[in-house]
Every structure is written in structure tokens, then in C-alpha cells.
Protein backbone atom coordinates (compact mmCIF):
# COMPACT_ATOMS: atom_id res chain seq x y z
CA UNK A 1 -93.75 30.31 -101.97
CA UNK A 2 -95.72 31.07 -98.71
CA UNK A 3 -98.05 28.35 -97.27
CA UNK A 4 -101.69 29.33 -96.96
CA UNK A 5 -103.02 28.79 -93.78
CA UNK A 6 -106.62 27.62 -93.42
CA UNK A 7 -108.62 30.11 -91.35
CA UNK A 8 -110.79 28.68 -88.75
CA UNK A 9 -114.69 28.28 -89.67
CA UNK A 10 -116.50 31.05 -87.59
CA UNK A 11 -120.19 30.29 -86.90
CA UNK A 12 -122.28 33.06 -86.84
CA UNK A 13 -124.49 33.10 -83.82
CA UNK A 14 -128.29 33.82 -84.59
CA UNK A 15 -129.70 36.65 -82.63
CA UNK A 16 -133.13 37.68 -82.22
CA UNK A 17 -133.30 39.90 -85.00
CA UNK A 18 -132.45 37.12 -87.45
CA UNK A 19 -135.82 35.26 -86.76
CA UNK A 20 -137.79 38.18 -87.90
CA UNK A 21 -138.47 40.50 -90.80
CA UNK A 22 -139.57 44.07 -90.89
CA UNK A 23 -142.50 45.22 -93.34
CA UNK A 24 -145.02 47.91 -93.66
CA UNK A 25 -148.89 47.85 -92.68
CA UNK A 26 -150.21 51.21 -93.78
CA UNK A 27 -148.01 53.68 -92.41
CA UNK A 28 -146.77 51.47 -89.50
CA UNK A 29 -143.78 49.07 -89.20
CA UNK A 30 -145.04 45.53 -88.74
CA UNK A 31 -142.77 42.79 -87.72
CA UNK A 32 -143.22 39.14 -89.12
CA UNK A 33 -141.93 36.02 -87.67
CA UNK A 34 -139.86 34.10 -90.12
CA UNK A 35 -140.67 30.61 -88.28
CA UNK A 36 -144.56 31.00 -87.73
CA UNK A 37 -147.43 33.36 -88.69
CA UNK A 38 -147.32 35.30 -85.72
CA UNK A 39 -146.62 39.17 -86.73
CA UNK A 40 -146.86 42.32 -84.65
CA UNK A 41 -146.67 46.33 -84.86
CA UNK A 42 -144.76 46.01 -81.45
CA UNK A 43 -140.86 45.26 -81.50
CA UNK A 44 -140.70 44.24 -77.88
CA UNK A 45 -143.76 42.03 -78.40
CA UNK A 46 -142.21 40.03 -81.38
CA UNK A 47 -138.84 39.78 -79.89
CA UNK A 48 -140.62 38.17 -76.75
CA UNK A 49 -142.57 35.70 -78.87
CA UNK A 50 -139.19 34.52 -80.63
CA UNK A 51 -137.21 34.27 -77.29
CA UNK A 52 -140.24 32.36 -75.82
CA UNK A 53 -141.05 30.00 -78.94
CA UNK A 54 -138.10 29.97 -81.12
CA UNK A 55 -134.88 30.46 -79.43
CA UNK A 56 -133.26 27.23 -77.99
CA UNK A 57 -133.18 27.12 -74.29
CA UNK A 58 -130.26 27.22 -72.07
CA UNK A 59 -129.91 23.69 -70.19
CA UNK A 60 -127.88 24.04 -67.05
CA UNK A 61 -126.85 21.25 -65.31
CA UNK A 62 -128.09 20.82 -61.90
CA UNK A 63 -125.55 21.17 -59.15
CA UNK A 64 -124.86 17.96 -57.14
CA UNK A 65 -125.70 18.30 -53.50
CA UNK A 66 -122.88 18.20 -50.98
CA UNK A 67 -122.95 15.55 -48.31
CA UNK A 68 -121.43 15.62 -44.90
CA UNK A 69 -120.96 13.06 -42.47
CA UNK A 70 -121.99 13.39 -38.81
CA UNK A 71 -118.58 14.89 -37.86
CA UNK A 72 -119.27 17.56 -40.53
CA UNK A 73 -116.65 16.18 -43.21
CA UNK A 74 -117.64 16.43 -46.85
CA UNK A 75 -118.33 13.22 -48.22
CA UNK A 76 -116.94 12.81 -51.95
């Protein structure tokens, strides 16, 4: 019998489209935020709202300043 190898678990990355639902208002498409009561008839507006309000912010580490001595040698 062949051994069954366990497949690695793959996490699905949430995209902007996972944060809103599409509905109808009269004859127009209506985009509703799943996290709050915000809705819009404009797709760009709902995507901007989600990016600004609900998407995790990227935290970038600040680069360490490079210091030099009086002979222009880098201090480590």
C-alpha cells in the first residue's frame, strides 16, 4: 500500500471582492460592504472604502540609519 502524504494547508488570501456583496437597487447594481452598513452604486467607491477601512495595513519596518565616523567609515 502506498503511503498517503498529507497535503499542505493553503490559506486563501482575502481580496477586496470578498468584503462586499452585489445586489440590485431598482435597475442599478448596488455594492454592500459585509463589515458595516456602507453601500454604494459605484464599484470604485466601495473598493476604496474597503481598502481604507477594513483591509489590514502593511507595516513596514523603518530602516536603521547608517552612521559614519569622521573618516567616512560605516559604523556597525
